């Protein structure tokens, strides 16, 4: 089991602006050093590889910039992630623009009468609003073989179902979905910041409109609240508060299970100016049992 880090040792994550990329413009340029493609984690991934590329675009003020864009495909996950060390505090922030919100097949996000606690698409009940999403910004616990989109995770997510920003968590004992009530405007640059304190289960998210500087949402949720309990579980910081990766990914799970030929629109997002705060040193990866929740759920029920 992974242990929380030693508070006496710290390191700083380096920011990523993608400006050093020499190619850009929807070419198959390599990811920056230290970053990985979620489409390459699972051999069963349906995503293009690479699943995202550096493009030339404009920022919130119309200035030229380079940023990372997901490619137009329906897949479990596309985007970018990197390992981090298990910590007693997690924080990350970046700029994001949603260019397209995906279709949603609502017929497969109803509870399965033959499998209580799970939807027809195999996802846990309580995740109806984040079965499909154009971007997730937060922390995940990866095992090195399961697609990151179905790993234990927490942070901010853009819901294709409600077309609003949400705080979310899905771990072994917790499913949390907090609608921030902020409509997602396609083509608008947002600054997203999320942090998590495993000791008390405090998950915090801030959404800012970059162009105006207006803070649209600033919300905290405590995963210790019994209303977030999944199948009778109780929040356990040694299980539900352990993450080993920062992940900025999309996913279209209802569309992967859909049999409706008219539902073909994937989610599209562009991200830039990733930055991470100081963290406490700890074990970077744990291949034990802490991340069994999503892994076992999806392998057993999808």
C-alpha atoms as a PDB file:
ATOM      1  CA  UNK A   1       0.000   0.000   0.000  1.00  0.00           C
ATOM      2  CA  UNK A   2       1.328   3.434  -0.878  1.00  0.00           C
ATOM      3  CA  UNK A   3       2.249   5.716   2.002  1.00  0.00           C
ATOM      4  CA  UNK A   4       1.722   9.452   2.226  1.00  0.00           C
ATOM      5  CA  UNK A   5       4.866  11.461   1.677  1.00  0.00           C
ATOM      6  CA  UNK A   6       7.346  12.855   4.140  1.00  0.00           C
ATOM      7  CA  UNK A   7       6.390  16.475   4.799  1.00  0.00           C
ATOM      8  CA  UNK A   8      10.012  17.473   5.269  1.00  0.00           C
ATOM      9  CA  UNK A   9      10.938  16.895   1.608  1.00  0.00           C
ATOM     10  CA  UNK A  10       9.403  18.848  -1.265  1.00  0.00           C
ATOM     11  CA  UNK A  11       9.792  19.292  -4.984  1.00  0.00           C
ATOM     12  CA  UNK A  12       8.312  21.651  -7.538  1.00  0.00           C
ATOM     13  CA  UNK A  13       6.727  20.521 -10.761  1.00  0.00           C
ATOM     14  CA  UNK A  14       7.841  22.489 -13.817  1.00  0.00           C
ATOM     15  CA  UNK A  15       5.289  24.391 -15.912  1.00  0.00           C
ATOM     16  CA  UNK A  16       4.484  23.328 -19.463  1.00  0.00           C
ATOM     17  CA  UNK A  17       3.523  25.940 -22.051  1.00  0.00           C
ATOM     18  CA  UNK A  18       4.214  23.856 -25.206  1.00  0.00           C
ATOM     19  CA  UNK A  19       5.948  26.873 -26.741  1.00  0.00           C
ATOM     20  CA  UNK A  20       9.149  24.942 -27.398  1.00  0.00           C
ATOM     21  CA  UNK A  21       7.463  22.574 -29.831  1.00  0.00           C
ATOM     22  CA  UNK A  22       9.080  23.139 -33.217  1.00  0.00           C
ATOM     23  CA  UNK A  23       6.333  21.705 -35.414  1.00  0.00           C
ATOM     24  CA  UNK A  24       2.787  22.247 -34.148  1.00  0.00           C
ATOM     25  CA  UNK A  25      -0.309  22.665 -36.333  1.00  0.00           C
ATOM     26  CA  UNK A  26      -1.831  19.181 -36.001  1.00  0.00           C
ATOM     27  CA  UNK A  27       1.354  17.271 -36.687  1.00  0.00           C
ATOM     28  CA  UNK A  28       2.525  14.205 -34.840  1.00  0.00           C
ATOM     29  CA  UNK A  29       5.021  16.079 -32.702  1.00  0.00           C
ATOM     30  CA  UNK A  30       6.325  14.341 -29.608  1.00  0.00           C
ATOM     31  CA  UNK A  31       5.022  15.046 -26.138  1.00  0.00           C
ATOM     32  CA  UNK A  32       7.223  17.117 -23.836  1.00  0.00           C
ATOM     33  CA  UNK A  33       9.727  15.240 -21.685  1.00  0.00           C
ATOM     34  CA  UNK A  34       8.057  13.607 -18.719  1.00  0.00           C
ATOM     35  CA  UNK A  35       4.581  13.509 -20.244  1.00  0.00           C
ATOM     36  CA  UNK A  36       2.805  10.426 -21.589  1.00  0.00           C
ATOM     37  CA  UNK A  37      -0.144   9.592 -23.826  1.00  0.00           C
ATOM     38  CA  UNK A  38      -3.099   7.857 -22.098  1.00  0.00           C
ATOM     39  CA  UNK A  39      -3.883   6.091 -25.363  1.00  0.00           C
ATOM     40  CA  UNK A  40      -0.655   4.117 -24.998  1.00  0.00           C
ATOM     41  CA  UNK A  41      -1.433   2.747 -21.528  1.00  0.00           C
ATOM     42  CA  UNK A  42      -3.951   0.098 -22.535  1.00  0.00           C
ATOM     43  CA  UNK A  43      -3.461  -2.099 -25.624  1.00  0.00           C
ATOM     44  CA  UNK A  44      -7.241  -2.037 -26.098  1.00  0.00           C
ATOM     45  CA  UNK A  45      -7.434   1.742 -26.524  1.00  0.00           C
ATOM     46  CA  UNK A  46      -9.448   2.902 -29.537  1.00  0.00           C
ATOM     47  CA  UNK A  47      -7.807   6.340 -29.530  1.00  0.00           C
ATOM     48  CA  UNK A  48      -5.441   7.540 -32.257  1.00  0.00           C
ATOM     49  CA  UNK A  49      -1.789   7.465 -31.249  1.00  0.00           C
ATOM     50  CA  UNK A  50      -0.737  10.034 -30.391  1.00  0.00           C
ATOM     51  CA  UNK A  51      -4.142  10.985 -29.054  1.00  0.00           C
ATOM     52  CA  UNK A  52      -3.271  14.686 -28.831  1.00  0.00           C
ATOM     53  CA  UNK A  53      -0.906  17.008 -30.681  1.00  0.00           C
ATOM     54  CA  UNK A  54       0.559  20.482 -30.301  1.00  0.00           C
ATOM     55  CA  UNK A  55      -1.267  23.051 -32.428  1.00  0.00           C
ATOM     56  CA  UNK A  56      -0.865  26.709 -33.262  1.00  0.00           C
ATOM     57  CA  UNK A  57      -3.868  28.608 -31.944  1.00  0.00           C
ATOM     58  CA  UNK A  58      -4.769  31.798 -30.048  1.00  0.00           C
ATOM     59  CA  UNK A  59      -5.070  32.448 -26.325  1.00  0.00           C
ATOM     60  CA  UNK A  60      -7.918  34.156 -24.456  1.00  0.00           C
ATOM     61  CA  UNK A  61      -6.782  37.557 -25.743  1.00  0.00           C
ATOM     62  CA  UNK A  62      -6.289  36.558 -29.372  1.00  0.00           C
ATOM     63  CA  UNK A  63      -2.508  36.269 -29.156  1.00  0.00           C
ATOM     64  CA  UNK A  64      -0.788  33.419 -31.050  1.00  0.00           C
ATOM     65  CA  UNK A  65       0.213  30.486 -28.864  1.00  0.00           C
ATOM     66  CA  UNK A  66       0.891  26.773 -29.034  1.00  0.00           C
ATOM     67  CA  UNK A  67      -1.232  24.384 -27.003  1.00  0.00           C
ATOM     68  CA  UNK A  68      -2.078  20.701 -26.789  1.00  0.00           C
ATOM     69  CA  UNK A  69      -5.283  19.607 -28.535  1.00  0.00           C
ATOM     70  CA  UNK A  70      -7.076  16.267 -28.418  1.00  0.00           C
ATOM     71  CA  UNK A  71      -7.782  14.707 -31.796  1.00  0.00           C
ATOM     72  CA  UNK A  72     -11.349  14.136 -33.064  1.00  0.00           C
ATOM     73  CA  UNK A  73     -11.994  10.525 -32.091  1.00  0.00           C
ATOM     74  CA  UNK A  74     -14.320   8.572 -29.804  1.00  0.00           C
ATOM     75  CA  UNK A  75     -12.220   6.750 -27.236  1.00  0.00           C
ATOM     76  CA  UNK A  76     -11.845   5.893 -23.566  1.00  0.00           C
ATOM     77  CA  UNK A  77      -9.284   8.650 -23.121  1.00  0.00           C
ATOM     78  CA  UNK A  78      -7.110  11.098 -25.022  1.00  0.00           C
ATOM     79  CA  UNK A  79      -4.824  13.826 -23.764  1.00  0.00           C
ATOM     80  CA  UNK A  80      -1.746  13.879 -21.558  1.00  0.00           C
ATOM     81  CA  UNK A  81      -0.599  12.729 -18.135  1.00  0.00           C
ATOM     82  CA  UNK A  82       2.558  12.544 -16.032  1.00  0.00           C
ATOM     83  CA  UNK A  83       3.621  10.756 -12.848  1.00  0.00           C
ATOM     84  CA  UNK A  84       3.645  12.611  -9.559  1.00  0.00           C
ATOM     85  CA  UNK A  85       4.655  11.511  -6.103  1.00  0.00           C
ATOM     86  CA  UNK A  86       2.097  10.337  -3.575  1.00  0.00           C
ATOM     87  CA  UNK A  87       1.500  13.311  -1.317  1.00  0.00           C
ATOM     88  CA  UNK A  88      -0.341  14.745   1.664  1.00  0.00           C
ATOM     89  CA  UNK A  89      -1.530  17.593  -0.579  1.00  0.00           C
ATOM     90  CA  UNK A  90      -2.211  17.744  -4.324  1.00  0.00           C
ATOM     91  CA  UNK A  91      -2.679  20.811  -6.499  1.00  0.00           C
ATOM     92  CA  UNK A  92      -2.659  21.531 -10.210  1.00  0.00           C
ATOM     93  CA  UNK A  93      -3.818  24.279 -12.566  1.00  0.00           C
ATOM     94  CA  UNK A  94      -3.953  24.989 -16.273  1.00  0.00           C
ATOM     95  CA  UNK A  95      -5.775  26.868 -19.025  1.00  0.00           C
ATOM     96  CA  UNK A  96      -8.362  24.990 -21.081  1.00  0.00           C
ATOM     97  CA  UNK A  97     -10.648  25.712 -24.009  1.00  0.00           C
ATOM     98  CA  UNK A  98     -13.505  23.387 -24.914  1.00  0.00           C
ATOM     99  CA  UNK A  99     -13.853  23.386 -28.686  1.00  0.00           C
ATOM    100  CA  UNK A 100     -16.584  20.749 -28.913  1.00  0.00           C
ATOM    101  CA  UNK A 101     -18.821  18.906 -26.446  1.00  0.00           C
ATOM    102  CA  UNK A 102     -19.493  15.307 -27.402  1.00  0.00           C
ATOM    103  CA  UNK A 103     -22.763  13.567 -28.039  1.00  0.00           C
ATOM    104  CA  UNK A 104     -24.172  11.499 -25.167  1.00  0.00           C
ATOM    105  CA  UNK A 105     -26.155   8.283 -25.448  1.00  0.00           C
ATOM    106  CA  UNK A 106     -28.497   8.495 -22.463  1.00  0.00           C
ATOM    107  CA  UNK A 107     -29.848   5.011 -23.139  1.00  0.00           C
ATOM    108  CA  UNK A 108     -26.686   3.442 -21.686  1.00  0.00           C
ATOM    109  CA  UNK A 109     -26.335   5.654 -18.620  1.00  0.00           C
ATOM    110  CA  UNK A 110     -29.296   4.165 -16.758  1.00  0.00           C
ATOM    111  CA  UNK A 111     -28.909   1.679 -13.931  1.00  0.00           C
ATOM    112  CA  UNK A 112     -28.575  -1.913 -15.071  1.00  0.00           C
ATOM    113  CA  UNK A 113     -31.488  -3.878 -13.546  1.00  0.00           C
ATOM    114  CA  UNK A 114     -29.324  -6.985 -13.591  1.00  0.00           C
ATOM    115  CA  UNK A 115     -26.365  -5.284 -11.918  1.00  0.00           C
ATOM    116  CA  UNK A 116     -27.485  -2.912  -9.147  1.00  0.00           C
ATOM    117  CA  UNK A 117     -25.041  -0.125  -8.463  1.00  0.00           C
ATOM    118  CA  UNK A 118     -23.843   0.072 -12.053  1.00  0.00           C
ATOM    119  CA  UNK A 119     -25.069   1.660 -15.263  1.00  0.00           C
ATOM    120  CA  UNK A 120     -25.718  -0.197 -18.491  1.00  0.00           C
ATOM    121  CA  UNK A 121     -22.384   1.063 -19.791  1.00  0.00           C
ATOM    122  CA  UNK A 122     -20.627  -0.591 -16.834  1.00  0.00           C
ATOM    123  CA  UNK A 123     -19.906   2.662 -14.996  1.00  0.00           C
ATOM    124  CA  UNK A 124     -20.837   3.095 -11.322  1.00  0.00           C
ATOM    125  CA  UNK A 125     -24.148   4.694 -10.418  1.00  0.00           C
ATOM    126  CA  UNK A 126     -23.389   8.288  -9.511  1.00  0.00           C
ATOM    127  CA  UNK A 127     -21.149   8.891 -12.517  1.00  0.00           C
ATOM    128  CA  UNK A 128     -23.997   9.643 -14.928  1.00  0.00           C
ATOM    129  CA  UNK A 129     -22.780  13.208 -15.458  1.00  0.00           C
ATOM    130  CA  UNK A 130     -19.187  12.258 -16.193  1.00  0.00           C
ATOM    131  CA  UNK A 131     -19.487   9.206 -18.408  1.00  0.00           C
ATOM    132  CA  UNK A 132     -18.620  11.521 -21.330  1.00  0.00           C
ATOM    133  CA  UNK A 133     -16.408  14.581 -20.908  1.00  0.00           C
ATOM    134  CA  UNK A 134     -14.229  16.799 -23.150  1.00  0.00           C
ATOM    135  CA  UNK A 135     -11.627  17.380 -20.400  1.00  0.00           C
ATOM    136  CA  UNK A 136     -10.769  16.156 -16.912  1.00  0.00           C
ATOM    137  CA  UNK A 137      -8.265  18.116 -14.831  1.00  0.00           C
ATOM    138  CA  UNK A 138      -6.995  16.414 -11.743  1.00  0.00           C
ATOM    139  CA  UNK A 139      -5.274  13.462 -10.140  1.00  0.00           C
ATOM    140  CA  UNK A 140      -5.394   9.741 -10.875  1.00  0.00           C
ATOM    141  CA  UNK A 141      -4.011   6.531  -9.426  1.00  0.00           C
ATOM    142  CA  UNK A 142      -2.658   4.528 -12.362  1.00  0.00           C
ATOM    143  CA  UNK A 143      -1.557   0.904 -12.382  1.00  0.00           C
ATOM    144  CA  UNK A 144       0.395   1.054 -15.653  1.00  0.00           C
ATOM    145  CA  UNK A 145      -1.998  -1.072 -17.716  1.00  0.00           C
ATOM    146  CA  UNK A 146      -5.585   0.130 -17.201  1.00  0.00           C
ATOM    147  CA  UNK A 147      -6.791   3.087 -19.260  1.00  0.00           C
ATOM    148  CA  UNK A 148      -6.498   6.297 -17.188  1.00  0.00           C
ATOM    149  CA  UNK A 149     -10.138   7.175 -17.851  1.00  0.00           C
ATOM    150  CA  UNK A 150     -11.262   4.337 -15.573  1.00  0.00           C
ATOM    151  CA  UNK A 151      -8.633   4.753 -12.872  1.00  0.00           C
ATOM    152  CA  UNK A 152      -9.443   6.217  -9.440  1.00  0.00           C
ATOM    153  CA  UNK A 153      -9.439   9.993  -9.900  1.00  0.00           C
ATOM    154  CA  UNK A 154     -10.544  13.355  -8.499  1.00  0.00           C
ATOM    155  CA  UNK A 155     -10.597  16.960  -9.655  1.00  0.00           C
ATOM    156  CA  UNK A 156     -12.565  19.117 -12.092  1.00  0.00           C
ATOM    157  CA  UNK A 157     -14.412  17.775 -15.104  1.00  0.00           C
ATOM    158  CA  UNK A 158     -16.455  19.191 -17.993  1.00  0.00           C
ATOM    159  CA  UNK A 159     -19.682  17.224 -18.244  1.00  0.00           C
ATOM    160  CA  UNK A 160     -21.019  16.508 -21.718  1.00  0.00           C
ATOM    161  CA  UNK A 161     -24.331  15.515 -20.128  1.00  0.00           C
ATOM    162  CA  UNK A 162     -25.034  18.780 -18.265  1.00  0.00           C
ATOM    163  CA  UNK A 163     -22.636  21.003 -20.260  1.00  0.00           C
ATOM    164  CA  UNK A 164     -21.411  22.464 -16.980  1.00  0.00           C
ATOM    165  CA  UNK A 165     -18.255  22.207 -14.862  1.00  0.00           C
ATOM    166  CA  UNK A 166     -18.235  19.695 -12.006  1.00  0.00           C
ATOM    167  CA  UNK A 167     -16.094  18.708  -9.054  1.00  0.00           C
ATOM    168  CA  UNK A 168     -15.811  14.927  -9.177  1.00  0.00           C
ATOM    169  CA  UNK A 169     -14.224  11.948  -7.487  1.00  0.00           C
ATOM    170  CA  UNK A 170     -14.353   8.233  -8.199  1.00  0.00           C
ATOM    171  CA  UNK A 171     -12.283   5.999  -5.957  1.00  0.00           C
ATOM    172  CA  UNK A 172     -12.663   2.673  -4.217  1.00  0.00           C
ATOM    173  CA  UNK A 173     -15.100   3.960  -1.604  1.00  0.00           C
ATOM    174  CA  UNK A 174     -16.301   7.277  -3.030  1.00  0.00           C
ATOM    175  CA  UNK A 175     -18.329   8.599  -5.956  1.00  0.00           C
ATOM    176  CA  UNK A 176     -18.824  12.372  -5.778  1.00  0.00           C
ATOM    177  CA  UNK A 177     -20.433  14.662  -8.341  1.00  0.00           C
ATOM    178  CA  UNK A 178     -20.839  18.353  -7.548  1.00  0.00           C
ATOM    179  CA  UNK A 179     -22.310  20.452 -10.356  1.00  0.00           C
ATOM    180  CA  UNK A 180     -20.740  23.928 -10.146  1.00  0.00           C
ATOM    181  CA  UNK A 181     -23.591  25.385 -12.213  1.00  0.00           C
ATOM    182  CA  UNK A 182     -21.223  27.088 -14.654  1.00  0.00           C
ATOM    183  CA  UNK A 183     -22.209  26.625 -18.292  1.00  0.00           C
ATOM    184  CA  UNK A 184     -19.385  25.563 -20.589  1.00  0.00           C
ATOM    185  CA  UNK A 185     -19.003  28.008 -23.446  1.00  0.00           C
ATOM    186  CA  UNK A 186     -17.297  26.426 -26.424  1.00  0.00           C
ATOM    187  CA  UNK A 187     -14.356  28.503 -27.614  1.00  0.00           C
ATOM    188  CA  UNK A 188     -13.852  30.227 -24.238  1.00  0.00           C
ATOM    189  CA  UNK A 189     -10.544  29.955 -22.368  1.00  0.00           C
ATOM    190  CA  UNK A 190     -10.917  29.012 -18.698  1.00  0.00           C
ATOM    191  CA  UNK A 191      -8.293  28.775 -15.979  1.00  0.00           C
ATOM    192  CA  UNK A 192      -8.919  25.715 -13.823  1.00  0.00           C
ATOM    193  CA  UNK A 193      -7.370  25.095 -10.438  1.00  0.00           C
ATOM    194  CA  UNK A 194      -8.014  22.076  -8.253  1.00  0.00           C
ATOM    195  CA  UNK A 195      -6.476  20.833  -5.039  1.00  0.00           C
ATOM    196  CA  UNK A 196      -7.073  17.974  -2.658  1.00  0.00           C
ATOM    197  CA  UNK A 197      -6.210  17.338   0.991  1.00  0.00           C
ATOM    198  CA  UNK A 198      -6.323  13.567   1.609  1.00  0.00           C
ATOM    199  CA  UNK A 199      -6.310  13.880   5.394  1.00  0.00           C
ATOM    200  CA  UNK A 200      -9.767  15.477   5.567  1.00  0.00           C
ATOM    201  CA  UNK A 201     -11.012  14.600   2.073  1.00  0.00           C
ATOM    202  CA  UNK A 202     -11.319  18.264   1.048  1.00  0.00           C
ATOM    203  CA  UNK A 203     -11.596  18.571  -2.739  1.00  0.00           C
ATOM    204  CA  UNK A 204     -11.475  22.156  -4.009  1.00  0.00           C
ATOM    205  CA  UNK A 205     -12.018  23.623  -7.469  1.00  0.00           C
ATOM    206  CA  UNK A 206     -11.860  27.107  -8.984  1.00  0.00           C
ATOM    207  CA  UNK A 207     -13.045  28.055 -12.483  1.00  0.00           C
ATOM    208  CA  UNK A 208     -12.039  31.469 -13.873  1.00  0.00           C
ATOM    209  CA  UNK A 209     -12.916  33.173 -17.139  1.00  0.00           C
ATOM    210  CA  UNK A 210      -9.457  34.217 -18.322  1.00  0.00           C
ATOM    211  CA  UNK A 211     -10.492  37.073 -20.606  1.00  0.00           C
ATOM    212  CA  UNK A 212     -12.582  38.865 -17.993  1.00  0.00           C
ATOM    213  CA  UNK A 213     -10.734  37.653 -14.912  1.00  0.00           C
ATOM    214  CA  UNK A 214     -14.060  36.740 -13.296  1.00  0.00           C
ATOM    215  CA  UNK A 215     -14.056  33.811 -10.865  1.00  0.00           C
ATOM    216  CA  UNK A 216     -17.045  31.781 -11.989  1.00  0.00           C
ATOM    217  CA  UNK A 217     -16.920  29.119  -9.300  1.00  0.00           C
ATOM    218  CA  UNK A 218     -14.962  28.468  -6.103  1.00  0.00           C
ATOM    219  CA  UNK A 219     -16.229  25.336  -4.379  1.00  0.00           C
ATOM    220  CA  UNK A 220     -15.076  22.789  -1.814  1.00  0.00           C
ATOM    221  CA  UNK A 221     -16.531  19.344  -1.174  1.00  0.00           C
ATOM    222  CA  UNK A 222     -15.586  16.903   1.589  1.00  0.00           C
ATOM    223  CA  UNK A 223     -15.339  13.331   0.351  1.00  0.00           C
ATOM    224  CA  UNK A 224     -15.775  12.171   3.941  1.00  0.00           C
ATOM    225  CA  UNK A 225     -19.477  13.068   3.669  1.00  0.00           C
ATOM    226  CA  UNK A 226     -21.500   9.806   3.783  1.00  0.00           C
ATOM    227  CA  UNK A 227     -23.566  10.971   0.784  1.00  0.00           C
ATOM    228  CA  UNK A 228     -20.532  10.277  -1.398  1.00  0.00           C
ATOM    229  CA  UNK A 229     -20.179   6.703  -0.165  1.00  0.00           C
ATOM    230  CA  UNK A 230     -20.052   4.097  -2.922  1.00  0.00           C
ATOM    231  CA  UNK A 231     -21.768   0.752  -2.170  1.00  0.00           C
ATOM    232  CA  UNK A 232     -21.550   1.362   1.559  1.00  0.00           C
ATOM    233  CA  UNK A 233     -17.875   2.257   1.613  1.00  0.00           C
ATOM    234  CA  UNK A 234     -16.410   4.955   3.824  1.00  0.00           C
ATOM    235  CA  UNK A 235     -13.712   7.433   2.792  1.00  0.00           C
ATOM    236  CA  UNK A 236     -10.247   6.115   3.679  1.00  0.00           C
ATOM    237  CA  UNK A 237      -7.332   8.511   3.054  1.00  0.00           C
ATOM    238  CA  UNK A 238      -4.876   5.630   2.649  1.00  0.00           C
ATOM    239  CA  UNK A 239      -6.984   4.335  -0.263  1.00  0.00           C
ATOM    240  CA  UNK A 240      -9.171   7.138  -1.586  1.00  0.00           C
ATOM    241  CA  UNK A 241      -6.535   9.846  -1.084  1.00  0.00           C
ATOM    242  CA  UNK A 242      -3.654   8.211  -2.959  1.00  0.00           C
ATOM    243  CA  UNK A 243      -2.790   9.491  -6.459  1.00  0.00           C
ATOM    244  CA  UNK A 244       0.318   9.001  -8.562  1.00  0.00           C
ATOM    245  CA  UNK A 245      -0.437  11.006 -11.719  1.00  0.00           C
ATOM    246  CA  UNK A 246      -1.726  14.330 -12.972  1.00  0.00           C
ATOM    247  CA  UNK A 247      -4.160  13.631 -15.812  1.00  0.00           C
ATOM    248  CA  UNK A 248      -5.721  15.980 -18.367  1.00  0.00           C
ATOM    249  CA  UNK A 249      -7.867  13.705 -20.499  1.00  0.00           C
ATOM    250  CA  UNK A 250     -11.181  13.357 -22.279  1.00  0.00           C
ATOM    251  CA  UNK A 251     -13.482  10.354 -22.586  1.00  0.00           C
ATOM    252  CA  UNK A 252     -16.607   9.203 -24.420  1.00  0.00           C
ATOM    253  CA  UNK A 253     -17.809   6.110 -22.582  1.00  0.00           C
ATOM    254  CA  UNK A 254     -21.497   6.220 -23.447  1.00  0.00           C
ATOM    255  CA  UNK A 255     -20.594   6.596 -27.129  1.00  0.00           C
ATOM    256  CA  UNK A 256     -18.321   3.561 -26.977  1.00  0.00           C
ATOM    257  CA  UNK A 257     -21.321   1.508 -25.829  1.00  0.00           C
ATOM    258  CA  UNK A 258     -23.813   3.238 -28.101  1.00  0.00           C
ATOM    259  CA  UNK A 259     -25.578   1.466 -30.951  1.00  0.00           C
ATOM    260  CA  UNK A 260     -27.067   4.711 -32.287  1.00  0.00           C
ATOM    261  CA  UNK A 261     -25.322   5.478 -35.616  1.00  0.00           C
ATOM    262  CA  UNK A 262     -26.253   9.176 -35.376  1.00  0.00           C
ATOM    263  CA  UNK A 263     -24.156   9.754 -32.240  1.00  0.00           C
ATOM    264  CA  UNK A 264     -20.701  10.364 -33.672  1.00  0.00           C
ATOM    265  CA  UNK A 265     -19.507  13.691 -32.242  1.00  0.00           C
ATOM    266  CA  UNK A 266     -16.468  13.428 -29.937  1.00  0.00           C
ATOM    267  CA  UNK A 267     -15.355  15.940 -27.347  1.00  0.00           C
ATOM    268  CA  UNK A 268     -12.504  18.303 -28.225  1.00  0.00           C
ATOM    269  CA  UNK A 269     -10.375  20.391 -25.865  1.00  0.00           C
ATOM    270  CA  UNK A 270      -7.185  22.449 -25.948  1.00  0.00           C
ATOM    271  CA  UNK A 271      -4.943  22.885 -22.891  1.00  0.00           C
ATOM    272  CA  UNK A 272      -2.034  25.209 -22.129  1.00  0.00           C
ATOM    273  CA  UNK A 273       0.048  26.669 -19.299  1.00  0.00           C
ATOM    274  CA  UNK A 274       0.022  23.633 -17.051  1.00  0.00           C
ATOM    275  CA  UNK A 275       1.580  24.288 -13.676  1.00  0.00           C
ATOM    276  CA  UNK A 276       1.861  22.221 -10.526  1.00  0.00           C
ATOM    277  CA  UNK A 277       2.468  23.281  -6.964  1.00  0.00           C
ATOM    278  CA  UNK A 278       5.005  22.024  -4.456  1.00  0.00           C
ATOM    279  CA  UNK A 279       4.294  18.512  -3.285  1.00  0.00           C
ATOM    280  CA  UNK A 280       5.567  16.310  -0.552  1.00  0.00           C
ATOM    281  CA  UNK A 281       7.953  13.557  -1.484  1.00  0.00           C
ATOM    282  CA  UNK A 282       6.702   9.997  -1.463  1.00  0.00           C
ATOM    283  CA  UNK A 283       6.419   6.801  -3.449  1.00  0.00           C
ATOM    284  CA  UNK A 284       5.676   7.717  -7.055  1.00  0.00           C
ATOM    285  CA  UNK A 285       3.871   4.549  -8.084  1.00  0.00           C
ATOM    286  CA  UNK A 286       2.150   1.797  -6.160  1.00  0.00           C
ATOM    287  CA  UNK A 287       1.240  -1.435  -7.893  1.00  0.00           C
ATOM    288  CA  UNK A 288      -0.535  -2.862  -4.882  1.00  0.00           C
ATOM    289  CA  UNK A 289      -4.230  -2.902  -4.136  1.00  0.00           C
ATOM    290  CA  UNK A 290      -5.028   0.760  -3.589  1.00  0.00           C
ATOM    291  CA  UNK A 291      -6.320   1.383  -7.097  1.00  0.00           C
ATOM    292  CA  UNK A 292      -8.477  -1.715  -7.417  1.00  0.00           C
ATOM    293  CA  UNK A 293     -11.828   0.115  -7.365  1.00  0.00           C
ATOM    294  CA  UNK A 294     -12.234   1.415 -10.895  1.00  0.00           C
ATOM    295  CA  UNK A 295      -9.928  -1.234 -12.325  1.00  0.00           C
ATOM    296  CA  UNK A 296     -11.975  -4.106 -10.919  1.00  0.00           C
ATOM    297  CA  UNK A 297     -15.329  -2.449 -11.617  1.00  0.00           C
ATOM    298  CA  UNK A 298     -14.671  -1.886 -15.279  1.00  0.00           C
ATOM    299  CA  UNK A 299     -12.854  -5.146 -15.917  1.00  0.00           C
ATOM    300  CA  UNK A 300     -15.631  -7.090 -14.246  1.00  0.00           C
ATOM    301  CA  UNK A 301     -18.681  -5.251 -15.488  1.00  0.00           C
ATOM    302  CA  UNK A 302     -17.954  -3.581 -18.835  1.00  0.00           C
END
